[in-house]
C-alpha atoms as a PDB file:
ATOM      1  CA  LYS A   1       0.000   0.000   0.000  1.00  0.00           C
ATOM      2  CA  TYR A   2       2.872   2.382   0.682  1.00  0.00           C
ATOM      3  CA  LEU A   3       4.721   1.990  -2.618  1.00  0.00           C
ATOM      4  CA  LYS A   4       1.835   2.309  -5.087  1.00  0.00           C
ATOM      5  CA  GLY A   5       2.455   5.383  -7.226  1.00  0.00           C
ATOM      6  CA  SER A   6       6.033   5.821  -6.002  1.00  0.00           C
ATOM      7  CA  LEU A   7       9.251   5.665  -7.992  1.00  0.00           C
ATOM      8  CA  CYS A   8       9.917   2.298  -6.270  1.00  0.00           C
ATOM      9  CA  TYR A   9       6.649   0.638  -7.228  1.00  0.00           C
ATOM     10  CA  SER A  10       7.438  -0.797 -10.659  1.00  0.00           C
ATOM     11  CA  GLU A  11      10.849  -2.089  -9.555  1.00  0.00           C
ATOM     12  CA  SER A  12       9.369  -3.659  -6.424  1.00  0.00           C
ATOM     13  CA  VAL A  13       6.612  -5.371  -8.419  1.00  0.00           C
ATOM     14  CA  ALA A  14       9.170  -6.601 -10.969  1.00  0.00           C
ATOM     15  CA  LEU A  15      11.377  -8.010  -8.190  1.00  0.00           C
ATOM     16  CA  ARG A  16       8.394  -9.744  -6.573  1.00  0.00           C
ATOM     17  CA  ASP A  17       7.358 -11.215  -9.938  1.00  0.00           C
ATOM     18  CA  GLU A  18      10.911 -12.412 -10.585  1.00  0.00           C
ATOM     19  CA  VAL A  19      10.979 -14.200  -7.229  1.00  0.00           C
ATOM     20  CA  LYS A  20       7.557 -15.778  -7.891  1.00  0.00           C
ATOM     21  CA  PHE A  21       8.803 -17.012 -11.265  1.00  0.00           C
ATOM     22  CA  GLY A  22      11.963 -18.416  -9.658  1.00  0.00           C
ATOM     23  CA  VAL A  23       9.873 -20.266  -7.075  1.00  0.00           C
ATOM     24  CA  LYS A  24       7.635 -21.704  -9.784  1.00  0.00           C
ATOM     25  CA  VAL A  25      10.604 -22.905 -11.855  1.00  0.00           C
ATOM     26  CA  LEU A  26      12.381 -24.420  -8.854  1.00  0.00           C
ATOM     27  CA  GLN A  27       9.183 -26.102  -7.642  1.00  0.00           C
ATOM     28  CA  GLY A  28       9.053 -27.941 -10.960  1.00  0.00           C
ATOM     29  CA  LEU A  29      12.781 -28.722 -11.079  1.00  0.00           C
ATOM     30  CA  VAL A  30      13.488 -29.823  -7.520  1.00  0.00           C
ATOM     31  CA  GLY A  31       9.981 -30.465  -6.206  1.00  0.00           C
ATOM     32  CA  PRO A  32       9.771 -34.142  -7.138  1.00  0.00           C
ATOM     33  CA  ALA A  33      13.217 -34.916  -5.680  1.00  0.00           C
ATOM     34  CA  VAL A  34      12.446 -33.071  -2.434  1.00  0.00           C
ATOM     35  CA  ARG A  35       9.101 -34.865  -2.050  1.00  0.00           C
ATOM     36  CA  SER A  36      10.734 -38.206  -2.749  1.00  0.00           C
ATOM     37  CA  ALA A  37      13.487 -37.507  -0.198  1.00  0.00           C
ATOM     38  CA  ARG A  38      10.814 -36.579   2.345  1.00  0.00           C
ATOM     39  CA  GLY A  39       9.011 -39.852   1.650  1.00  0.00           C
ATOM     40  CA  GLU A  40       5.916 -38.051   0.402  1.00  0.00           C
ATOM     41  CA  ARG A  41       3.751 -39.548  -2.286  1.00  0.00           C
ATOM     42  CA  THR A  42       3.977 -37.601  -5.501  1.00  0.00           C
ATOM     43  CA  VAL A  43       1.774 -37.814  -8.535  1.00  0.00           C
ATOM     44  CA  ASP A  44       2.322 -36.480 -12.008  1.00  0.00           C
ATOM     45  CA  PRO A  45       0.061 -33.378 -12.260  1.00  0.00           C
ATOM     46  CA  LEU A  46      -1.753 -35.004 -15.181  1.00  0.00           C
ATOM     47  CA  TRP A  47      -2.969 -37.819 -12.917  1.00  0.00           C
ATOM     48  CA  THR A  48      -4.587 -35.346 -10.520  1.00  0.00           C
ATOM     49  CA  LEU A  49      -7.242 -34.853 -13.169  1.00  0.00           C
ATOM     50  CA  LEU A  50      -8.591 -38.249 -12.122  1.00  0.00           C
ATOM     51  CA  PRO A  51     -11.168 -37.775  -9.338  1.00  0.00           C
ATOM     52  CA  TRP A  52      -9.761 -40.549  -7.099  1.00  0.00           C
ATOM     53  CA  GLU A  53      -6.239 -39.046  -7.210  1.00  0.00           C
ATOM     54  CA  ARG A  54      -7.118 -35.447  -6.307  1.00  0.00           C
ATOM     55  CA  ASP A  55      -7.231 -35.805  -2.544  1.00  0.00           C
ATOM     56  CA  THR A  56      -4.710 -38.621  -2.082  1.00  0.00           C
ATOM     57  CA  ALA A  57      -1.555 -36.997  -3.388  1.00  0.00           C
ATOM     58  CA  THR A  58       0.022 -33.644  -3.846  1.00  0.00           C
ATOM     59  CA  THR A  59       1.721 -32.471  -6.981  1.00  0.00           C
ATOM     60  CA  ALA A  60       5.360 -31.484  -7.110  1.00  0.00           C
ATOM     61  CA  SER A  61       4.308 -27.856  -7.365  1.00  0.00           C
ATOM     62  CA  ASP A  62       3.798 -27.214  -3.662  1.00  0.00           C
ATOM     63  CA  VAL A  63       6.944 -28.224  -1.808  1.00  0.00           C
ATOM     64  CA  GLY A  64       6.699 -26.718   1.670  1.00  0.00           C
ATOM     65  CA  GLY A  65       9.514 -24.364   2.607  1.00  0.00           C
ATOM     66  CA  LEU A  66      10.863 -23.911  -0.910  1.00  0.00           C
ATOM     67  CA  GLU A  67       9.283 -20.488  -1.419  1.00  0.00           C
ATOM     68  CA  GLU A  68      10.763 -19.173   1.832  1.00  0.00           C
ATOM     69  CA  ALA A  69      14.195 -20.545   0.872  1.00  0.00           C
ATOM     70  CA  VAL A  70      14.060 -18.923  -2.573  1.00  0.00           C
ATOM     71  CA  VAL A  71      12.916 -15.579  -1.131  1.00  0.00           C
ATOM     72  CA  GLY A  72      15.717 -15.716   1.458  1.00  0.00           C
ATOM     73  CA  ALA A  73      18.328 -16.529  -1.176  1.00  0.00           C
ATOM     74  CA  PHE A  74      17.057 -13.800  -3.493  1.00  0.00           C
ATOM     75  CA  VAL A  75      17.106 -11.172  -0.729  1.00  0.00           C
ATOM     76  CA  THR A  76      20.631 -12.226   0.282  1.00  0.00           C
ATOM     77  CA  ILE A  77      21.940 -11.905  -3.255  1.00  0.00           C
ATOM     78  CA  LEU A  78      20.050  -8.669  -3.943  1.00  0.00           C
ATOM     79  CA  THR A  79      21.202  -6.929  -0.778  1.00  0.00           C
ATOM     80  CA  ARG A  80      24.617  -8.496  -0.210  1.00  0.00           C
ATOM     81  CA  SER A  81      26.219  -9.113  -3.594  1.00  0.00           C
ATOM     82  CA  PHE A  82      28.881  -7.023  -5.239  1.00  0.00           C
ATOM     83  CA  THR A  83      29.364  -6.386  -8.925  1.00  0.00           C
ATOM     84  CA  THR A  84      32.933  -7.093  -9.987  1.00  0.00           C
ATOM     85  CA  ASP A  85      34.994  -5.191 -12.536  1.00  0.00           C
ATOM     86  CA  VAL A  86      33.728  -7.621 -15.202  1.00  0.00           C
ATOM     87  CA  PHE A  87      30.086  -7.157 -14.117  1.00  0.00           C
ATOM     88  CA  GLU A  88      29.666 -10.481 -12.283  1.00  0.00           C
ATOM     89  CA  GLU A  89      27.550 -10.614  -9.142  1.00  0.00           C
ATOM     90  CA  ARG A  90      29.437 -12.163  -6.207  1.00  0.00           C
ATOM     91  CA  LEU A  91      28.901 -12.713  -2.524  1.00  0.00           C
ATOM     92  CA  VAL A  92      31.937 -11.689  -0.497  1.00  0.00           C
ATOM     93  CA  PRO A  93      31.746 -12.933   3.108  1.00  0.00           C
ATOM     94  CA  LEU A  94      32.601 -10.267   5.696  1.00  0.00           C
ATOM     95  CA  LEU A  95      32.695  -7.473   3.107  1.00  0.00           C
ATOM     96  CA  ASP A  96      28.908  -7.754   2.872  1.00  0.00           C
ATOM     97  CA  MET A  97      28.649  -7.045   6.608  1.00  0.00           C
ATOM     98  CA  LEU A  98      30.084  -3.539   6.338  1.00  0.00           C
ATOM     99  CA  GLN A  99      27.791  -0.578   6.795  1.00  0.00           C
ATOM    100  CA  HIS A 100      27.296   1.915   3.969  1.00  0.00           C
ATOM    101  CA  SER A 101      28.948   5.306   3.990  1.00  0.00           C
ATOM    102  CA  ASP A 102      29.441   7.861   1.243  1.00  0.00           C
ATOM    103  CA  THR A 103      33.056   7.881   2.449  1.00  0.00           C
ATOM    104  CA  SER A 104      34.196   4.295   2.081  1.00  0.00           C
ATOM    105  CA  SER A 105      37.197   3.209   4.144  1.00  0.00           C
ATOM    106  CA  VAL A 106      37.867   0.265   1.795  1.00  0.00           C
ATOM    107  CA  THR A 107      38.271  -0.366  -1.898  1.00  0.00           C
ATOM    108  CA  HIS A 108      37.611  -3.696  -3.547  1.00  0.00           C
ATOM    109  CA  SER A 109      38.338  -5.077  -6.973  1.00  0.00           C
ATOM    110  CA  SER A 110      38.626  -8.387  -8.813  1.00  0.00           C
ATOM    111  CA  ASN A 111      42.014 -10.048  -9.036  1.00  0.00           C
ATOM    112  CA  ASP A 112      43.422 -12.315 -11.759  1.00  0.00           C
ATOM    113  CA  ALA A 113      42.577 -15.443  -9.758  1.00  0.00           C
ATOM    114  CA  GLY A 114      38.877 -14.558  -9.741  1.00  0.00           C
ATOM    115  CA  GLY A 115      38.863 -13.425  -6.124  1.00  0.00           C
ATOM    116  CA  VAL A 116      38.077 -10.053  -4.636  1.00  0.00           C
ATOM    117  CA  GLU A 117      40.824  -7.943  -3.091  1.00  0.00           C
ATOM    118  CA  VAL A 118      39.834  -5.592  -0.299  1.00  0.00           C
ATOM    119  CA  ARG A 119      42.220  -2.802   0.756  1.00  0.00           C
ATOM    120  CA  ALA A 120      42.051   0.107   3.157  1.00  0.00           C
ATOM    121  CA  ALA A 121      41.327   3.338   1.297  1.00  0.00           C
ATOM    122  CA  PHE A 122      43.286   5.315   3.910  1.00  0.00           C
ATOM    123  CA  ASP A 123      45.129   4.687   7.190  1.00  0.00           C
ATOM    124  CA  LEU A 124      42.847   3.174   9.810  1.00  0.00           C
ATOM    125  CA  LYS A 125      43.357   3.153  13.571  1.00  0.00           C
ATOM    126  CA  ALA A 126      42.584   0.204  15.806  1.00  0.00           C
ATOM    127  CA  GLY A 127      38.902   0.323  16.727  1.00  0.00           C
ATOM    128  CA  ASP A 128      37.812   2.363  13.677  1.00  0.00           C
ATOM    129  CA  GLU A 129      34.642   1.052  12.080  1.00  0.00           C
ATOM    130  CA  ILE A 130      35.169   0.007   8.486  1.00  0.00           C
ATOM    131  CA  TYR A 131      32.657   1.290   5.938  1.00  0.00           C
ATOM    132  CA  ASN A 132      31.894   0.406   2.350  1.00  0.00           C
ATOM    133  CA  ARG A 133      30.205   2.514  -0.280  1.00  0.00           C
ATOM    134  CA  TYR A 134      27.424   0.353  -1.725  1.00  0.00           C
ATOM    135  CA  GLN A 135      27.463   2.207  -5.041  1.00  0.00           C
ATOM    136  CA  LYS A 136      30.740   3.187  -6.694  1.00  0.00           C
ATOM    137  CA  GLU A 137      31.654   6.855  -6.992  1.00  0.00           C
ATOM    138  CA  THR A 138      30.998   7.992 -10.544  1.00  0.00           C
ATOM    139  CA  ASP A 139      30.475  11.176 -12.491  1.00  0.00           C
ATOM    140  CA  ASP A 140      28.272   9.319 -14.982  1.00  0.00           C
ATOM    141  CA  ASP A 141      24.640  10.139 -14.141  1.00  0.00           C
ATOM    142  CA  GLU A 142      23.539   6.934 -15.907  1.00  0.00           C
ATOM    143  CA  GLU A 143      25.498   4.814 -13.399  1.00  0.00           C
ATOM    144  CA  LYS A 144      24.514   6.693 -10.239  1.00  0.00           C
ATOM    145  CA  MET A 145      21.938   4.928  -8.126  1.00  0.00           C
ATOM    146  CA  PRO A 146      19.085   7.267  -7.172  1.00  0.00           C
ATOM    147  CA  ARG A 147      18.512   7.416  -3.416  1.00  0.00           C
ATOM    148  CA  TYR A 148      15.043   5.835  -3.669  1.00  0.00           C
ATOM    149  CA  ARG A 149      16.637   2.766  -5.352  1.00  0.00           C
ATOM    150  CA  PHE A 150      18.744   2.191  -2.252  1.00  0.00           C
ATOM    151  CA  PHE A 151      15.460   1.350  -0.569  1.00  0.00           C
ATOM    152  CA  THR A 152      14.427  -1.294  -3.126  1.00  0.00           C
ATOM    153  CA  ARG A 153      17.956  -2.713  -3.332  1.00  0.00           C
ATOM    154  CA  PHE A 154      19.262  -2.415   0.233  1.00  0.00           C
ATOM    155  CA  GLY A 155      16.272  -1.516   2.409  1.00  0.00           C
ATOM    156  CA  PHE A 156      17.383   1.956   3.467  1.00  0.00           C
ATOM    157  CA  VAL A 157      17.889   5.476   2.112  1.00  0.00           C
ATOM    158  CA  PRO A 158      21.366   6.965   2.712  1.00  0.00           C
ATOM    159  CA  GLY A 159      21.363  10.127   4.766  1.00  0.00           C
ATOM    160  CA  ALA A 160      17.664   9.918   5.653  1.00  0.00           C
ATOM    161  CA  SER A 161      16.914  10.568   9.302  1.00  0.00           C
ATOM    162  CA  THR A 162      13.174   9.977   8.851  1.00  0.00           C
ATOM    163  CA  PRO A 163      12.120   6.308   8.817  1.00  0.00           C
ATOM    164  CA  VAL A 164      11.392   5.080   5.282  1.00  0.00           C
ATOM    165  CA  ARG A 165       7.877   3.917   6.226  1.00  0.00           C
ATOM    166  CA  GLN A 166       7.083   7.451   7.408  1.00  0.00           C
ATOM    167  CA  MET A 167       8.600   8.970   4.254  1.00  0.00           C
ATOM    168  CA  LEU A 168       6.381   6.707   2.139  1.00  0.00           C
ATOM    169  CA  ALA A 169       3.269   7.397   4.222  1.00  0.00           C
ATOM    170  CA  GLU A 170       3.883  11.147   3.946  1.00  0.00           C
ATOM    171  CA  ARG A 171       4.548  10.808   0.201  1.00  0.00           C
ATOM    172  CA  ASN A 172       8.027  12.308   0.518  1.00  0.00           C
ATOM    173  CA  VAL A 173       9.390  13.850  -2.710  1.00  0.00           C
ATOM    174  CA  LEU A 174      12.250  11.332  -2.668  1.00  0.00           C
ATOM    175  CA  PHE A 175       9.715   8.625  -3.535  1.00  0.00           C
ATOM    176  CA  TYR A 176       6.905  10.740  -5.028  1.00  0.00           C
ATOM    177  CA  PRO A 177       8.357  13.586  -7.085  1.00  0.00           C
ATOM    178  CA  LYS A 178       6.130  16.579  -7.600  1.00  0.00           C
ATOM    179  CA  ARG A 179       5.312  17.580 -11.138  1.00  0.00           C
ATOM    180  CA  GLU A 180       6.046  21.154 -12.007  1.00  0.00           C
ATOM    181  CA  GLU A 181       3.488  23.066 -14.001  1.00  0.00           C
ATOM    182  CA  VAL A 182       4.746  24.371 -17.314  1.00  0.00           C
END
Protein backbone atom coordinates (compact mmCIF):
# COMPACT_ATOMS: atom_id res chain seq x y z
CA LYS A 1 0.00 0.00 0.00
CA TYR A 2 2.87 2.38 0.68
CA LEU A 3 4.72 1.99 -2.62
CA LYS A 4 1.83 2.31 -5.09
CA GLY A 5 2.45 5.38 -7.23
CA SER A 6 6.03 5.82 -6.00
CA LEU A 7 9.25 5.67 -7.99
CA CYS A 8 9.92 2.30 -6.27
CA TYR A 9 6.65 0.64 -7.23
CA SER A 10 7.44 -0.80 -10.66
CA GLU A 11 10.85 -2.09 -9.55
CA SER A 12 9.37 -3.66 -6.42
CA VAL A 13 6.61 -5.37 -8.42
CA ALA A 14 9.17 -6.60 -10.97
CA LEU A 15 11.38 -8.01 -8.19
CA ARG A 16 8.39 -9.74 -6.57
CA ASP A 17 7.36 -11.21 -9.94
CA GLU A 18 10.91 -12.41 -10.58
CA VAL A 19 10.98 -14.20 -7.23
CA LYS A 20 7.56 -15.78 -7.89
CA PHE A 21 8.80 -17.01 -11.26
CA GLY A 22 11.96 -18.42 -9.66
CA VAL A 23 9.87 -20.27 -7.08
CA LYS A 24 7.64 -21.70 -9.78
CA VAL A 25 10.60 -22.90 -11.86
CA LEU A 26 12.38 -24.42 -8.85
CA GLN A 27 9.18 -26.10 -7.64
CA GLY A 28 9.05 -27.94 -10.96
CA LEU A 29 12.78 -28.72 -11.08
CA VAL A 30 13.49 -29.82 -7.52
CA GLY A 31 9.98 -30.47 -6.21
CA PRO A 32 9.77 -34.14 -7.14
CA ALA A 33 13.22 -34.92 -5.68
CA VAL A 34 12.45 -33.07 -2.43
CA ARG A 35 9.10 -34.86 -2.05
CA SER A 36 10.73 -38.21 -2.75
CA ALA A 37 13.49 -37.51 -0.20
CA ARG A 38 10.81 -36.58 2.34
CA GLY A 39 9.01 -39.85 1.65
CA GLU A 40 5.92 -38.05 0.40
CA ARG A 41 3.75 -39.55 -2.29
CA THR A 42 3.98 -37.60 -5.50
CA VAL A 43 1.77 -37.81 -8.54
CA ASP A 44 2.32 -36.48 -12.01
CA PRO A 45 0.06 -33.38 -12.26
CA LEU A 46 -1.75 -35.00 -15.18
CA TRP A 47 -2.97 -37.82 -12.92
CA THR A 48 -4.59 -35.35 -10.52
CA LEU A 49 -7.24 -34.85 -13.17
CA LEU A 50 -8.59 -38.25 -12.12
CA PRO A 51 -11.17 -37.78 -9.34
CA TRP A 52 -9.76 -40.55 -7.10
CA GLU A 53 -6.24 -39.05 -7.21
CA ARG A 54 -7.12 -35.45 -6.31
CA ASP A 55 -7.23 -35.80 -2.54
CA THR A 56 -4.71 -38.62 -2.08
CA ALA A 57 -1.56 -37.00 -3.39
CA THR A 58 0.02 -33.64 -3.85
CA THR A 59 1.72 -32.47 -6.98
CA ALA A 60 5.36 -31.48 -7.11
CA SER A 61 4.31 -27.86 -7.37
CA ASP A 62 3.80 -27.21 -3.66
CA VAL A 63 6.94 -28.22 -1.81
CA GLY A 64 6.70 -26.72 1.67
CA GLY A 65 9.51 -24.36 2.61
CA LEU A 66 10.86 -23.91 -0.91
CA GLU A 67 9.28 -20.49 -1.42
CA GLU A 68 10.76 -19.17 1.83
CA ALA A 69 14.19 -20.54 0.87
CA VAL A 70 14.06 -18.92 -2.57
CA VAL A 71 12.92 -15.58 -1.13
CA GLY A 72 15.72 -15.72 1.46
CA ALA A 73 18.33 -16.53 -1.18
CA PHE A 74 17.06 -13.80 -3.49
CA VAL A 75 17.11 -11.17 -0.73
CA THR A 76 20.63 -12.23 0.28
CA ILE A 77 21.94 -11.90 -3.25
CA LEU A 78 20.05 -8.67 -3.94
CA THR A 79 21.20 -6.93 -0.78
CA ARG A 80 24.62 -8.50 -0.21
CA SER A 81 26.22 -9.11 -3.59
CA PHE A 82 28.88 -7.02 -5.24
CA THR A 83 29.36 -6.39 -8.93
CA THR A 84 32.93 -7.09 -9.99
CA ASP A 85 34.99 -5.19 -12.54
CA VAL A 86 33.73 -7.62 -15.20
CA PHE A 87 30.09 -7.16 -14.12
CA GLU A 88 29.67 -10.48 -12.28
CA GLU A 89 27.55 -10.61 -9.14
CA ARG A 90 29.44 -12.16 -6.21
CA LEU A 91 28.90 -12.71 -2.52
CA VAL A 92 31.94 -11.69 -0.50
CA PRO A 93 31.75 -12.93 3.11
CA LEU A 94 32.60 -10.27 5.70
CA LEU A 95 32.69 -7.47 3.11
CA ASP A 96 28.91 -7.75 2.87
CA MET A 97 28.65 -7.05 6.61
CA LEU A 98 30.08 -3.54 6.34
CA GLN A 99 27.79 -0.58 6.79
CA HIS A 100 27.30 1.91 3.97
CA SER A 101 28.95 5.31 3.99
CA ASP A 102 29.44 7.86 1.24
CA THR A 103 33.06 7.88 2.45
CA SER A 104 34.20 4.29 2.08
CA SER A 105 37.20 3.21 4.14
CA VAL A 106 37.87 0.27 1.79
CA THR A 107 38.27 -0.37 -1.90
CA HIS A 108 37.61 -3.70 -3.55
CA SER A 109 38.34 -5.08 -6.97
CA SER A 110 38.63 -8.39 -8.81
CA ASN A 111 42.01 -10.05 -9.04
CA ASP A 112 43.42 -12.31 -11.76
CA ALA A 113 42.58 -15.44 -9.76
CA GLY A 114 38.88 -14.56 -9.74
CA GLY A 115 38.86 -13.42 -6.12
CA VAL A 116 38.08 -10.05 -4.64
CA GLU A 117 40.82 -7.94 -3.09
CA VAL A 118 39.83 -5.59 -0.30
CA ARG A 119 42.22 -2.80 0.76
CA ALA A 120 42.05 0.11 3.16
CA ALA A 121 41.33 3.34 1.30
CA PHE A 122 43.29 5.32 3.91
CA ASP A 123 45.13 4.69 7.19
CA LEU A 124 42.85 3.17 9.81
CA LYS A 125 43.36 3.15 13.57
CA ALA A 126 42.58 0.20 15.81
CA GLY A 127 38.90 0.32 16.73
CA ASP A 128 37.81 2.36 13.68
CA GLU A 129 34.64 1.05 12.08
CA ILE A 130 35.17 0.01 8.49
CA TYR A 131 32.66 1.29 5.94
CA ASN A 132 31.89 0.41 2.35
CA ARG A 133 30.21 2.51 -0.28
CA TYR A 134 27.42 0.35 -1.73
CA GLN A 135 27.46 2.21 -5.04
CA LYS A 136 30.74 3.19 -6.69
CA GLU A 137 31.65 6.85 -6.99
CA THR A 138 31.00 7.99 -10.54
CA ASP A 139 30.48 11.18 -12.49
CA ASP A 140 28.27 9.32 -14.98
CA ASP A 141 24.64 10.14 -14.14
CA GLU A 142 23.54 6.93 -15.91
CA GLU A 143 25.50 4.81 -13.40
CA LYS A 144 24.51 6.69 -10.24
CA MET A 145 21.94 4.93 -8.13
CA PRO A 146 19.09 7.27 -7.17
CA ARG A 147 18.51 7.42 -3.42
CA TYR A 148 15.04 5.84 -3.67
CA ARG A 149 16.64 2.77 -5.35
CA PHE A 150 18.74 2.19 -2.25
CA PHE A 151 15.46 1.35 -0.57
CA THR A 152 14.43 -1.29 -3.13
CA ARG A 153 17.96 -2.71 -3.33
CA PHE A 154 19.26 -2.42 0.23
CA GLY A 155 16.27 -1.52 2.41
CA PHE A 156 17.38 1.96 3.47
CA VAL A 157 17.89 5.48 2.11
CA PRO A 158 21.37 6.96 2.71
CA GLY A 159 21.36 10.13 4.77
CA ALA A 160 17.66 9.92 5.65
CA SER A 161 16.91 10.57 9.30
CA THR A 162 13.17 9.98 8.85
CA PRO A 163 12.12 6.31 8.82
CA VAL A 164 11.39 5.08 5.28
CA ARG A 165 7.88 3.92 6.23
CA GLN A 166 7.08 7.45 7.41
CA MET A 167 8.60 8.97 4.25
CA LEU A 168 6.38 6.71 2.14
CA ALA A 169 3.27 7.40 4.22
CA GLU A 170 3.88 11.15 3.95
CA ARG A 171 4.55 10.81 0.20
CA ASN A 172 8.03 12.31 0.52
CA VAL A 173 9.39 13.85 -2.71
CA LEU A 174 12.25 11.33 -2.67
CA PHE A 175 9.71 8.62 -3.53
CA TYR A 176 6.91 10.74 -5.03
CA PRO A 177 8.36 13.59 -7.08
CA LYS A 178 6.13 16.58 -7.60
CA ARG A 179 5.31 17.58 -11.14
CA GLU A 180 6.05 21.15 -12.01
CA GLU A 181 3.49 23.07 -14.00
CA VAL A 182 4.75 24.37 -17.31
